[in-house]
Every structure is written in structure tokens, then in C-alpha cells.
Amino acid sequence: MSTSAVRSLAFIILLFISSCTDNSRENNAGSNKKPVGTIQAIAENVKKLKNGKTSEPVEISKLKMLLAEKLGNFSRIQIKGEKSGAAGFLISTAEARYKGKNDQIIRIEIIDTGGIASTSTMTLASRAMAGINSETASGHEKTTDIEGHKAFEKYDNTSKTGVLNVMVAERFLVNAEGENISINQLKDVINAINLSKLNNLK
């Protein structure tokens, strides 16, 4: 499982645990805590909280179909996928690398969180991202909107690197990371995926 997939999985699991075990006055106090234990241990706790109910993520091939050979002005140079997880929870991941001009590289990852995500969990994730708007001389990070979906963007002007994280249909996470690009180029590639198609993959 890729590093960003692990981060996304852990983020969702921790949000779900928080929604089940914390009350509103404890949420802010716990927001700065580091994740404790392994993903397997956390997933076991979530499984107990959900009474063992999970749903199967979509097939990898369906996610890979959204990562076309060309997205905008970028050409695909690598694609792969995997289905993995722990303690009974599975996620499907499709990942592709794209290359543009002048050493421009974009990596896109589509993750189906399967039974781990839920409406309440993704709502919490949206709230966690809400109101983020920070700008410095070197770059910015803020919440935004991509094709009507909640998203988070981060860009560094010095290194010309950017990150976009988009939540779709309360279940899918689309992560994009780019090098030697502008934030608008990164958004154009995400828009070229046609995220609305993910709604039909449930």
C-alpha cells in the first residue's frame, strides 16, 4: 500500500473512532494527538464499533479505467493498482504517474475506502478541512471545491510542488501530487478525470 493510501486510511479510521468515542467538547483537545498503535489495531477497534459490518470496495480495474492514457496535456507513464487492508477492512487503490513538459510529473491515486467510510465519517472529514485558509510568501493551503466536491489544496511556490485531496460520494478519495507544475495545471488534470463517474461505481 502506498504511503498516501496509508495516510488516507489512517485518517478515515481515526475520524470514525473519534465520531464514536468522543463528544464535542473533546474533539478540539484531541485534534493534535498523534495516532497511537498500528493500523491493524485501530481497524480492530473500528470493526467492533461497527459490529463487524463492512462492504467490499470496487474492483481495481474499474478505478484504473478513470486514469486514462492522457489527462489534459499529461501522458501516463505508469499505472498500477492493489486491494489491501487489515483486520477485515479492505480498500482498493489505483495509482498512475503522468509526465508533461520540462520534467513535470503528476501522481494520481484513487482510493475506494469501502466499508470504512460512511456518511458520518466523511462529514467529519469535511468539517476537519473546513475553514483552512493559510497563505505565506512561499505558498498556501486551503479548502476548495473540485467539480462540486470538497477538496484540500496545498502549493509551494518555491519548489513548484502541489497537492490536491478530493472527497467524492462520501467514499472515494482522489489524491494528486505534482512537481514542477502550477496549481491550476494540477486542477486541470483532476478535472479531466471526470470525478462524477465515481458515483456510479458504488
N, C-alpha and C. Protein backbone atom coordinates (compact mmCIF):
# COMPACT_ATOMS: atom_id res chain seq x y z
N MET A 1 0.85 -1.19 0.00
CA MET A 1 0.00 0.00 0.00
C MET A 1 0.89 1.24 0.00
N SER A 2 0.59 2.22 -0.82
CA SER A 2 1.43 3.41 -0.91
C SER A 2 1.32 4.25 0.35
N THR A 3 2.28 5.14 0.53
CA THR A 3 2.32 5.98 1.73
C THR A 3 1.08 6.85 1.86
N SER A 4 0.65 7.46 0.76
CA SER A 4 -0.51 8.33 0.84
C SER A 4 -1.79 7.54 1.09
N ALA A 5 -1.84 6.30 0.59
CA ALA A 5 -3.01 5.46 0.87
C ALA A 5 -3.07 5.11 2.34
N VAL A 6 -1.92 4.82 2.93
CA VAL A 6 -1.86 4.53 4.35
C VAL A 6 -2.31 5.74 5.16
N ARG A 7 -1.85 6.94 4.76
CA ARG A 7 -2.25 8.16 5.46
C ARG A 7 -3.76 8.36 5.37
N SER A 8 -4.31 8.15 4.17
CA SER A 8 -5.75 8.34 3.99
C SER A 8 -6.54 7.34 4.79
N LEU A 9 -6.10 6.08 4.78
CA LEU A 9 -6.79 5.04 5.53
C LEU A 9 -6.76 5.34 7.01
N ALA A 10 -5.60 5.70 7.52
CA ALA A 10 -5.47 6.01 8.94
C ALA A 10 -6.32 7.21 9.31
N PHE A 11 -6.37 8.21 8.41
CA PHE A 11 -7.15 9.42 8.66
C PHE A 11 -8.63 9.08 8.81
N ILE A 12 -9.15 8.26 7.91
CA ILE A 12 -10.55 7.89 7.95
C ILE A 12 -10.87 7.08 9.20
N ILE A 13 -10.01 6.11 9.51
CA ILE A 13 -10.23 5.27 10.69
C ILE A 13 -10.24 6.10 11.96
N LEU A 14 -9.28 7.00 12.06
CA LEU A 14 -9.20 7.83 13.27
C LEU A 14 -10.41 8.75 13.38
N LEU A 15 -10.89 9.27 12.26
CA LEU A 15 -12.09 10.10 12.28
C LEU A 15 -13.30 9.31 12.74
N PHE A 16 -13.39 8.06 12.27
CA PHE A 16 -14.54 7.25 12.66
C PHE A 16 -14.51 6.94 14.15
N ILE A 17 -13.33 6.59 14.66
CA ILE A 17 -13.20 6.32 16.08
C ILE A 17 -13.57 7.55 16.89
N SER A 18 -13.12 8.72 16.41
CA SER A 18 -13.42 9.97 17.11
C SER A 18 -14.92 10.21 17.15
N SER A 19 -15.61 9.92 16.04
CA SER A 19 -17.04 10.16 15.99
C SER A 19 -17.81 9.23 16.91
N CYS A 20 -17.25 8.07 17.18
CA CYS A 20 -17.95 7.09 18.01
C CYS A 20 -17.61 7.20 19.49
N THR A 21 -16.44 7.71 19.81
CA THR A 21 -15.98 7.66 21.19
C THR A 21 -15.80 9.02 21.84
N ASP A 22 -15.75 10.10 21.05
CA ASP A 22 -15.53 11.43 21.62
C ASP A 22 -16.81 12.23 21.60
N ASN A 23 -16.98 13.12 22.57
CA ASN A 23 -18.08 14.07 22.49
C ASN A 23 -17.53 15.38 21.96
N SER A 24 -18.41 16.34 21.71
CA SER A 24 -17.98 17.56 21.02
C SER A 24 -16.95 18.35 21.79
N ARG A 25 -16.99 18.32 23.12
CA ARG A 25 -16.03 19.12 23.87
C ARG A 25 -14.64 18.50 23.86
N GLU A 26 -14.53 17.24 23.47
CA GLU A 26 -13.24 16.57 23.44
C GLU A 26 -12.58 16.62 22.08
N ASN A 27 -13.36 16.96 21.06
CA ASN A 27 -12.81 16.90 19.71
C ASN A 27 -11.61 17.81 19.51
N ASN A 28 -11.71 19.07 19.95
CA ASN A 28 -10.61 20.01 19.76
C ASN A 28 -9.38 19.60 20.55
N ALA A 29 -9.59 19.09 21.76
CA ALA A 29 -8.46 18.71 22.59
C ALA A 29 -7.68 17.57 21.98
N GLY A 30 -8.37 16.68 21.25
CA GLY A 30 -7.70 15.51 20.69
C GLY A 30 -7.16 15.70 19.30
N SER A 31 -7.39 16.85 18.70
CA SER A 31 -7.03 17.05 17.30
C SER A 31 -5.53 17.05 17.07
N ASN A 32 -4.74 17.37 18.10
CA ASN A 32 -3.30 17.44 17.93
C ASN A 32 -2.57 16.17 18.36
N LYS A 33 -3.33 15.15 18.76
CA LYS A 33 -2.70 13.93 19.22
C LYS A 33 -2.18 13.12 18.04
N LYS A 34 -1.08 12.40 18.28
CA LYS A 34 -0.53 11.53 17.26
C LYS A 34 -1.31 10.22 17.25
N PRO A 35 -1.47 9.58 16.08
CA PRO A 35 -2.12 8.28 16.05
C PRO A 35 -1.36 7.28 16.90
N VAL A 36 -2.08 6.50 17.67
CA VAL A 36 -1.45 5.54 18.57
C VAL A 36 -1.71 4.13 18.07
N GLY A 37 -0.69 3.28 18.05
CA GLY A 37 -0.85 1.90 17.65
C GLY A 37 -0.77 1.72 16.15
N THR A 38 -0.88 0.46 15.74
CA THR A 38 -0.80 0.14 14.32
C THR A 38 -2.15 0.30 13.66
N ILE A 39 -2.14 0.33 12.33
CA ILE A 39 -3.39 0.41 11.59
C ILE A 39 -4.25 -0.82 11.89
N GLN A 40 -3.59 -1.99 12.06
CA GLN A 40 -4.34 -3.20 12.34
C GLN A 40 -5.11 -3.08 13.65
N ALA A 41 -4.44 -2.54 14.67
CA ALA A 41 -5.09 -2.40 15.97
C ALA A 41 -6.24 -1.41 15.91
N ILE A 42 -6.03 -0.32 15.20
CA ILE A 42 -7.09 0.68 15.06
C ILE A 42 -8.27 0.09 14.31
N ALA A 43 -7.98 -0.65 13.24
CA ALA A 43 -9.05 -1.24 12.44
C ALA A 43 -9.86 -2.24 13.25
N GLU A 44 -9.20 -2.97 14.14
CA GLU A 44 -9.91 -3.91 15.00
C GLU A 44 -10.93 -3.17 15.86
N ASN A 45 -10.52 -2.02 16.39
CA ASN A 45 -11.44 -1.24 17.22
C ASN A 45 -12.62 -0.73 16.41
N VAL A 46 -12.35 -0.28 15.19
CA VAL A 46 -13.42 0.21 14.34
C VAL A 46 -14.38 -0.92 13.99
N LYS A 47 -13.83 -2.09 13.76
CA LYS A 47 -14.66 -3.24 13.42
C LYS A 47 -15.63 -3.56 14.55
N LYS A 48 -15.16 -3.47 15.78
CA LYS A 48 -16.01 -3.72 16.93
C LYS A 48 -17.10 -2.65 17.03
N LEU A 49 -16.71 -1.40 16.78
CA LEU A 49 -17.67 -0.31 16.85
C LEU A 49 -18.75 -0.45 15.78
N LYS A 50 -18.39 -1.02 14.63
CA LYS A 50 -19.35 -1.17 13.54
C LYS A 50 -19.98 -2.57 13.54
N ASN A 51 -19.75 -3.33 14.61
CA ASN A 51 -20.30 -4.67 14.72
C ASN A 51 -19.90 -5.57 13.55
N GLY A 52 -18.69 -5.33 13.06
CA GLY A 52 -18.15 -6.19 12.01
C GLY A 52 -18.73 -5.96 10.63
N LYS A 53 -19.54 -4.94 10.43
CA LYS A 53 -20.16 -4.70 9.15
C LYS A 53 -19.22 -3.94 8.22
N THR A 54 -18.92 -4.53 7.09
CA THR A 54 -18.06 -3.88 6.10
C THR A 54 -18.67 -4.07 4.72
N SER A 55 -18.22 -3.32 3.75
CA SER A 55 -18.66 -3.51 2.38
C SER A 55 -17.44 -3.63 1.49
N GLU A 56 -17.60 -4.37 0.41
CA GLU A 56 -16.49 -4.65 -0.48
C GLU A 56 -16.19 -3.44 -1.36
N PRO A 57 -14.94 -3.01 -1.43
CA PRO A 57 -14.59 -1.92 -2.35
C PRO A 57 -14.70 -2.38 -3.79
N VAL A 58 -14.80 -1.44 -4.71
CA VAL A 58 -14.95 -1.79 -6.13
C VAL A 58 -13.66 -2.42 -6.64
N GLU A 59 -13.78 -3.10 -7.77
CA GLU A 59 -12.62 -3.75 -8.36
C GLU A 59 -11.60 -2.72 -8.83
N ILE A 60 -10.35 -3.09 -8.72
CA ILE A 60 -9.24 -2.21 -9.09
C ILE A 60 -9.37 -1.76 -10.55
N SER A 61 -9.76 -2.69 -11.41
CA SER A 61 -9.84 -2.39 -12.85
C SER A 61 -10.78 -1.22 -13.13
N LYS A 62 -11.86 -1.09 -12.33
CA LYS A 62 -12.82 0.00 -12.53
C LYS A 62 -12.21 1.34 -12.16
N LEU A 63 -11.37 1.35 -11.14
CA LEU A 63 -10.69 2.59 -10.75
C LEU A 63 -9.63 2.97 -11.78
N LYS A 64 -8.92 1.96 -12.28
CA LYS A 64 -7.86 2.21 -13.25
C LYS A 64 -8.41 2.79 -14.56
N MET A 65 -9.65 2.43 -14.89
CA MET A 65 -10.26 2.94 -16.12
C MET A 65 -10.40 4.46 -16.10
N LEU A 66 -10.47 5.05 -14.91
CA LEU A 66 -10.61 6.50 -14.80
C LEU A 66 -9.27 7.21 -15.03
N LEU A 67 -8.18 6.47 -14.95
CA LEU A 67 -6.85 7.05 -15.13
C LEU A 67 -6.41 6.82 -16.58
N ALA A 68 -6.92 7.65 -17.46
CA ALA A 68 -6.72 7.48 -18.90
C ALA A 68 -5.25 7.68 -19.30
N GLU A 69 -4.94 7.27 -20.53
CA GLU A 69 -3.56 7.40 -21.02
C GLU A 69 -3.14 8.86 -21.11
N LYS A 70 -4.10 9.73 -21.37
CA LYS A 70 -3.80 11.16 -21.40
C LYS A 70 -4.83 11.90 -20.55
N LEU A 71 -4.35 12.78 -19.69
CA LEU A 71 -5.20 13.67 -18.91
C LEU A 71 -4.72 15.09 -19.18
N GLY A 72 -5.50 15.82 -19.96
CA GLY A 72 -5.06 17.16 -20.34
C GLY A 72 -3.80 17.07 -21.19
N ASN A 73 -2.78 17.82 -20.81
CA ASN A 73 -1.51 17.81 -21.54
C ASN A 73 -0.50 16.84 -20.95
N PHE A 74 -0.95 15.95 -20.09
CA PHE A 74 -0.05 15.00 -19.45
C PHE A 74 -0.30 13.57 -19.96
N SER A 75 0.79 12.83 -20.18
CA SER A 75 0.70 11.46 -20.68
C SER A 75 1.07 10.48 -19.57
N ARG A 76 0.31 9.41 -19.51
CA ARG A 76 0.55 8.40 -18.47
C ARG A 76 1.80 7.60 -18.77
N ILE A 77 2.65 7.45 -17.75
CA ILE A 77 3.88 6.67 -17.91
C ILE A 77 3.90 5.44 -17.02
N GLN A 78 2.95 5.35 -16.11
CA GLN A 78 2.90 4.18 -15.23
C GLN A 78 1.51 4.08 -14.61
N ILE A 79 1.04 2.85 -14.42
CA ILE A 79 -0.23 2.65 -13.74
C ILE A 79 -0.18 1.33 -12.98
N LYS A 80 -0.80 1.31 -11.83
CA LYS A 80 -0.86 0.09 -11.03
C LYS A 80 -2.05 0.17 -10.08
N GLY A 81 -2.38 -0.95 -9.48
CA GLY A 81 -3.49 -0.97 -8.54
C GLY A 81 -3.32 -2.11 -7.56
N GLU A 82 -4.01 -1.99 -6.45
CA GLU A 82 -3.96 -3.06 -5.45
C GLU A 82 -5.18 -2.98 -4.55
N LYS A 83 -5.51 -4.13 -3.97
CA LYS A 83 -6.55 -4.20 -2.96
C LYS A 83 -5.88 -4.73 -1.71
N SER A 84 -5.94 -3.97 -0.65
CA SER A 84 -5.25 -4.35 0.56
C SER A 84 -5.96 -3.79 1.77
N GLY A 85 -5.48 -4.16 2.95
CA GLY A 85 -6.10 -3.68 4.17
C GLY A 85 -5.65 -4.47 5.37
N ALA A 86 -6.44 -4.37 6.43
CA ALA A 86 -6.08 -5.03 7.68
C ALA A 86 -7.33 -5.28 8.49
N ALA A 87 -7.29 -6.36 9.26
CA ALA A 87 -8.34 -6.67 10.23
C ALA A 87 -9.72 -6.67 9.60
N GLY A 88 -9.83 -7.21 8.39
CA GLY A 88 -11.14 -7.34 7.77
C GLY A 88 -11.58 -6.15 6.95
N PHE A 89 -10.81 -5.06 6.97
CA PHE A 89 -11.15 -3.88 6.18
C PHE A 89 -10.29 -3.86 4.92
N LEU A 90 -10.93 -3.65 3.79
CA LEU A 90 -10.21 -3.61 2.53
C LEU A 90 -10.41 -2.27 1.85
N ILE A 91 -9.38 -1.83 1.14
CA ILE A 91 -9.50 -0.65 0.28
C ILE A 91 -8.91 -1.00 -1.08
N SER A 92 -9.51 -0.43 -2.12
CA SER A 92 -8.98 -0.59 -3.48
C SER A 92 -8.27 0.70 -3.86
N THR A 93 -7.11 0.57 -4.47
CA THR A 93 -6.32 1.73 -4.85
C THR A 93 -5.82 1.60 -6.28
N ALA A 94 -6.01 2.64 -7.07
CA ALA A 94 -5.42 2.71 -8.40
C ALA A 94 -4.52 3.94 -8.42
N GLU A 95 -3.34 3.76 -8.96
CA GLU A 95 -2.36 4.85 -8.96
C GLU A 95 -1.69 4.97 -10.32
N ALA A 96 -1.51 6.19 -10.79
CA ALA A 96 -0.85 6.42 -12.08
C ALA A 96 0.07 7.62 -12.00
N ARG A 97 1.13 7.57 -12.78
CA ARG A 97 2.07 8.69 -12.90
C ARG A 97 1.96 9.26 -14.31
N TYR A 98 1.95 10.59 -14.38
CA TYR A 98 1.84 11.28 -15.65
C TYR A 98 3.01 12.25 -15.83
N LYS A 99 3.41 12.40 -17.07
CA LYS A 99 4.53 13.30 -17.35
C LYS A 99 4.11 14.35 -18.37
N GLY A 100 4.56 15.58 -18.12
CA GLY A 100 4.30 16.67 -19.05
C GLY A 100 5.61 17.20 -19.58
N LYS A 101 5.63 18.46 -19.96
CA LYS A 101 6.85 19.07 -20.47
C LYS A 101 7.75 19.53 -19.32
N ASN A 102 9.04 19.65 -19.62
CA ASN A 102 10.01 20.21 -18.68
C ASN A 102 9.99 19.51 -17.32
N ASP A 103 10.04 18.17 -17.36
CA ASP A 103 10.11 17.37 -16.13
C ASP A 103 8.91 17.55 -15.21
N GLN A 104 7.79 17.87 -15.79
CA GLN A 104 6.56 17.97 -14.99
C GLN A 104 6.02 16.56 -14.71
N ILE A 105 5.80 16.28 -13.45
CA ILE A 105 5.31 14.96 -13.03
C ILE A 105 4.08 15.13 -12.14
N ILE A 106 3.07 14.32 -12.40
CA ILE A 106 1.88 14.29 -11.55
C ILE A 106 1.57 12.84 -11.20
N ARG A 107 1.34 12.58 -9.94
CA ARG A 107 0.93 11.25 -9.49
C ARG A 107 -0.50 11.35 -8.97
N ILE A 108 -1.37 10.49 -9.46
CA ILE A 108 -2.77 10.49 -9.05
C ILE A 108 -3.13 9.14 -8.44
N GLU A 109 -3.85 9.19 -7.37
CA GLU A 109 -4.26 8.00 -6.65
C GLU A 109 -5.76 8.08 -6.37
N ILE A 110 -6.49 7.03 -6.74
CA ILE A 110 -7.93 6.95 -6.44
C ILE A 110 -8.13 5.81 -5.45
N ILE A 111 -8.72 6.12 -4.32
CA ILE A 111 -8.89 5.14 -3.25
C ILE A 111 -10.37 4.94 -2.96
N ASP A 112 -10.81 3.68 -2.99
CA ASP A 112 -12.15 3.35 -2.53
C ASP A 112 -12.02 2.81 -1.11
N THR A 113 -12.59 3.54 -0.17
CA THR A 113 -12.43 3.16 1.25
C THR A 113 -13.38 2.06 1.68
N GLY A 114 -14.28 1.64 0.79
CA GLY A 114 -15.16 0.52 1.10
C GLY A 114 -15.97 0.73 2.35
N GLY A 115 -16.00 -0.27 3.21
CA GLY A 115 -16.83 -0.23 4.41
C GLY A 115 -16.31 0.67 5.51
N ILE A 116 -15.09 1.17 5.39
CA ILE A 116 -14.55 2.01 6.45
C ILE A 116 -15.22 3.38 6.45
N ALA A 117 -15.42 3.91 5.26
CA ALA A 117 -16.04 5.24 5.16
C ALA A 117 -17.54 5.14 5.35
N SER A 118 -18.13 6.21 5.79
CA SER A 118 -19.57 6.32 5.93
C SER A 118 -19.94 7.77 5.81
N THR A 119 -21.21 8.05 5.73
CA THR A 119 -21.65 9.43 5.61
C THR A 119 -21.16 10.27 6.78
N SER A 120 -21.28 9.74 7.99
CA SER A 120 -20.85 10.50 9.17
C SER A 120 -19.36 10.70 9.18
N THR A 121 -18.62 9.67 8.75
CA THR A 121 -17.16 9.77 8.74
C THR A 121 -16.69 10.84 7.76
N MET A 122 -17.23 10.82 6.54
CA MET A 122 -16.80 11.76 5.54
C MET A 122 -17.29 13.17 5.86
N THR A 123 -18.41 13.26 6.55
CA THR A 123 -18.87 14.57 7.01
C THR A 123 -17.88 15.14 8.00
N LEU A 124 -17.40 14.30 8.89
CA LEU A 124 -16.39 14.73 9.85
C LEU A 124 -15.12 15.18 9.13
N ALA A 125 -14.74 14.43 8.10
CA ALA A 125 -13.55 14.80 7.33
C ALA A 125 -13.74 16.16 6.67
N SER A 126 -14.95 16.40 6.15
CA SER A 126 -15.24 17.69 5.53
C SER A 126 -15.12 18.81 6.56
N ARG A 127 -15.66 18.57 7.75
CA ARG A 127 -15.57 19.58 8.81
C ARG A 127 -14.13 19.81 9.23
N ALA A 128 -13.34 18.74 9.23
CA ALA A 128 -11.94 18.87 9.62
C ALA A 128 -11.19 19.77 8.64
N MET A 129 -11.61 19.72 7.35
CA MET A 129 -10.96 20.52 6.33
C MET A 129 -11.55 21.92 6.22
N ALA A 130 -12.73 22.12 6.74
CA ALA A 130 -13.43 23.38 6.56
C ALA A 130 -12.69 24.54 7.21
N GLY A 131 -12.67 25.66 6.53
CA GLY A 131 -12.11 26.87 7.11
C GLY A 131 -10.60 26.99 7.04
N ILE A 132 -9.93 26.03 6.40
CA ILE A 132 -8.47 26.12 6.29
C ILE A 132 -8.14 27.11 5.18
N ASN A 133 -7.42 28.14 5.52
CA ASN A 133 -7.03 29.15 4.53
C ASN A 133 -5.78 29.86 5.04
N SER A 134 -4.64 29.38 4.60
CA SER A 134 -3.37 29.93 5.07
C SER A 134 -2.49 30.28 3.87
N GLU A 135 -1.93 31.49 3.90
CA GLU A 135 -1.09 31.92 2.78
C GLU A 135 0.16 32.59 3.32
N THR A 136 1.31 32.19 2.75
CA THR A 136 2.60 32.77 3.12
C THR A 136 3.33 33.18 1.85
N ALA A 137 4.53 33.71 2.02
CA ALA A 137 5.32 34.13 0.86
C ALA A 137 5.71 32.93 0.01
N SER A 138 5.82 31.77 0.63
CA SER A 138 6.28 30.58 -0.09
C SER A 138 5.15 29.74 -0.66
N GLY A 139 3.90 29.97 -0.23
CA GLY A 139 2.82 29.15 -0.76
C GLY A 139 1.53 29.31 0.01
N HIS A 140 0.64 28.32 -0.14
CA HIS A 140 -0.65 28.39 0.53
C HIS A 140 -1.22 27.00 0.77
N GLU A 141 -2.19 26.91 1.65
CA GLU A 141 -3.01 25.72 1.81
C GLU A 141 -4.42 26.16 2.18
N LYS A 142 -5.39 25.52 1.56
CA LYS A 142 -6.77 25.96 1.79
C LYS A 142 -7.75 24.89 1.33
N THR A 143 -8.98 25.02 1.82
CA THR A 143 -10.06 24.19 1.31
C THR A 143 -10.58 24.81 0.04
N THR A 144 -11.09 23.96 -0.84
CA THR A 144 -11.58 24.45 -2.12
C THR A 144 -12.68 23.52 -2.62
N ASP A 145 -13.04 23.66 -3.87
CA ASP A 145 -14.10 22.86 -4.46
C ASP A 145 -13.65 22.39 -5.83
N ILE A 146 -13.74 21.07 -6.06
CA ILE A 146 -13.38 20.50 -7.35
C ILE A 146 -14.60 19.77 -7.90
N GLU A 147 -15.17 20.27 -8.96
CA GLU A 147 -16.36 19.67 -9.59
C GLU A 147 -17.48 19.44 -8.57
N GLY A 148 -17.62 20.36 -7.62
CA GLY A 148 -18.67 20.24 -6.63
C GLY A 148 -18.33 19.38 -5.44
N HIS A 149 -17.08 18.90 -5.35
CA HIS A 149 -16.65 18.04 -4.25
C HIS A 149 -15.71 18.79 -3.33
N LYS A 150 -15.82 18.51 -2.04
CA LYS A 150 -14.92 19.12 -1.07
C LYS A 150 -13.48 18.71 -1.35
N ALA A 151 -12.57 19.68 -1.27
CA ALA A 151 -11.18 19.38 -1.57
C ALA A 151 -10.24 20.24 -0.71
N PHE A 152 -9.02 19.76 -0.62
CA PHE A 152 -7.97 20.49 0.08
C PHE A 152 -6.81 20.66 -0.88
N GLU A 153 -6.28 21.87 -0.95
CA GLU A 153 -5.13 22.11 -1.83
C GLU A 153 -3.98 22.74 -1.08
N LYS A 154 -2.79 22.36 -1.49
CA LYS A 154 -1.58 22.89 -0.89
C LYS A 154 -0.56 23.10 -2.00
N TYR A 155 0.09 24.28 -1.99
CA TYR A 155 1.04 24.56 -3.06
C TYR A 155 2.22 25.34 -2.51
N ASP A 156 3.42 24.98 -3.02
CA ASP A 156 4.65 25.66 -2.62
C ASP A 156 5.22 26.38 -3.84
N ASN A 157 5.29 27.70 -3.77
CA ASN A 157 5.77 28.50 -4.90
C ASN A 157 7.24 28.28 -5.21
N THR A 158 8.02 28.02 -4.16
CA THR A 158 9.46 27.87 -4.35
C THR A 158 9.82 26.59 -5.08
N SER A 159 9.26 25.47 -4.63
CA SER A 159 9.58 24.18 -5.23
C SER A 159 8.65 23.83 -6.39
N LYS A 160 7.58 24.62 -6.56
CA LYS A 160 6.57 24.36 -7.58
C LYS A 160 5.97 22.96 -7.45
N THR A 161 5.65 22.62 -6.21
CA THR A 161 5.01 21.34 -5.92
C THR A 161 3.62 21.60 -5.33
N GLY A 162 2.69 20.73 -5.66
CA GLY A 162 1.33 20.91 -5.18
C GLY A 162 0.66 19.60 -4.81
N VAL A 163 -0.35 19.71 -3.96
CA VAL A 163 -1.13 18.55 -3.52
C VAL A 163 -2.60 18.91 -3.57
N LEU A 164 -3.44 17.99 -4.07
CA LEU A 164 -4.88 18.13 -4.03
C LEU A 164 -5.47 16.85 -3.47
N ASN A 165 -6.37 16.96 -2.49
CA ASN A 165 -7.09 15.82 -1.93
C ASN A 165 -8.58 16.09 -2.09
N VAL A 166 -9.28 15.20 -2.77
CA VAL A 166 -10.70 15.40 -3.06
C VAL A 166 -11.51 14.23 -2.52
N MET A 167 -12.64 14.54 -1.86
CA MET A 167 -13.55 13.51 -1.38
C MET A 167 -14.75 13.44 -2.31
N VAL A 168 -15.09 12.22 -2.75
CA VAL A 168 -16.17 12.03 -3.71
C VAL A 168 -17.15 10.98 -3.19
N ALA A 169 -18.43 11.30 -3.26
CA ALA A 169 -19.51 10.35 -2.95
C ALA A 169 -19.38 9.74 -1.56
N GLU A 170 -18.78 10.48 -0.63
CA GLU A 170 -18.68 10.05 0.77
C GLU A 170 -17.98 8.71 0.92
N ARG A 171 -17.13 8.40 -0.04
CA ARG A 171 -16.50 7.08 -0.04
C ARG A 171 -15.13 7.06 -0.70
N PHE A 172 -14.98 7.84 -1.77
CA PHE A 172 -13.73 7.81 -2.53
C PHE A 172 -12.83 8.99 -2.18
N LEU A 173 -11.54 8.75 -2.21
CA LEU A 173 -10.54 9.79 -2.03
C LEU A 173 -9.68 9.85 -3.30
N VAL A 174 -9.53 11.03 -3.84
CA VAL A 174 -8.68 11.23 -5.01
C VAL A 174 -7.54 12.15 -4.59
N ASN A 175 -6.34 11.61 -4.63
CA ASN A 175 -5.15 12.36 -4.21
C ASN A 175 -4.28 12.64 -5.43
N ALA A 176 -3.83 13.86 -5.57
CA ALA A 176 -2.93 14.23 -6.67
C ALA A 176 -1.75 15.01 -6.12
N GLU A 177 -0.56 14.66 -6.58
CA GLU A 177 0.66 15.35 -6.19
C GLU A 177 1.44 15.70 -7.45
N GLY A 178 1.91 16.93 -7.55
CA GLY A 178 2.61 17.35 -8.75
C GLY A 178 3.93 18.03 -8.47
N GLU A 179 4.86 17.88 -9.41
CA GLU A 179 6.18 18.52 -9.32
C GLU A 179 6.42 19.36 -10.56
N ASN A 180 7.01 20.52 -10.38
CA ASN A 180 7.31 21.46 -11.47
C ASN A 180 6.04 21.86 -12.22
N ILE A 181 4.98 22.11 -11.48
CA ILE A 181 3.71 22.46 -12.08
C ILE A 181 3.08 23.64 -11.34
N SER A 182 2.03 24.19 -11.93
CA SER A 182 1.25 25.20 -11.24
C SER A 182 0.05 24.50 -10.60
N ILE A 183 -0.59 25.15 -9.64
CA ILE A 183 -1.75 24.54 -9.00
C ILE A 183 -2.90 24.41 -10.00
N ASN A 184 -2.98 25.32 -10.96
CA ASN A 184 -4.03 25.24 -11.98
C ASN A 184 -3.84 24.04 -12.90
N GLN A 185 -2.60 23.70 -13.20
CA GLN A 185 -2.33 22.51 -14.01
C GLN A 185 -2.75 21.25 -13.27
N LEU A 186 -2.52 21.24 -11.97
CA LEU A 186 -2.91 20.09 -11.16
C LEU A 186 -4.44 19.96 -11.13
N LYS A 187 -5.12 21.08 -11.01
CA LYS A 187 -6.59 21.06 -11.03
C LYS A 187 -7.12 20.61 -12.39
N ASP A 188 -6.48 21.03 -13.46
CA ASP A 188 -6.92 20.65 -14.80
C ASP A 188 -6.86 19.13 -14.99
N VAL A 189 -5.82 18.52 -14.46
CA VAL A 189 -5.68 17.08 -14.57
C VAL A 189 -6.76 16.37 -13.77
N ILE A 190 -7.04 16.86 -12.57
CA ILE A 190 -8.11 16.28 -11.75
C ILE A 190 -9.46 16.42 -12.46
N ASN A 191 -9.71 17.58 -13.03
CA ASN A 191 -10.97 17.81 -13.75
C ASN A 191 -11.11 16.88 -14.95
N ALA A 192 -9.98 16.53 -15.57
CA ALA A 192 -10.01 15.66 -16.74
C ALA A 192 -10.41 14.23 -16.40
N ILE A 193 -10.34 13.86 -15.13
CA ILE A 193 -10.71 12.51 -14.71
C ILE A 193 -12.22 12.30 -14.79
N ASN A 194 -12.98 13.38 -14.64
CA ASN A 194 -14.45 13.31 -14.57
C ASN A 194 -14.85 12.54 -13.31
N LEU A 195 -14.72 13.21 -12.19
CA LEU A 195 -14.96 12.59 -10.89
C LEU A 195 -16.39 12.10 -10.71
N SER A 196 -17.32 12.64 -11.46
CA SER A 196 -18.72 12.24 -11.31
C SER A 196 -18.91 10.75 -11.63
N LYS A 197 -18.00 10.18 -12.42
CA LYS A 197 -18.11 8.76 -12.75
C LYS A 197 -17.95 7.87 -11.51
N LEU A 198 -17.29 8.38 -10.49
CA LEU A 198 -17.11 7.59 -9.27
C LEU A 198 -18.45 7.30 -8.59
N ASN A 199 -19.42 8.19 -8.78
CA ASN A 199 -20.74 7.98 -8.17
C ASN A 199 -21.39 6.70 -8.65
N ASN A 200 -21.08 6.29 -9.89
CA ASN A 200 -21.69 5.10 -10.46
C ASN A 200 -20.96 3.81 -10.13
N LEU A 201 -19.86 3.93 -9.39
CA LEU A 201 -19.06 2.75 -9.06
C LEU A 201 -19.43 2.13 -7.73
N LYS A 202 -20.37 2.72 -6.99
CA LYS A 202 -20.75 2.20 -5.68
C LYS A 202 -21.32 0.78 -5.82
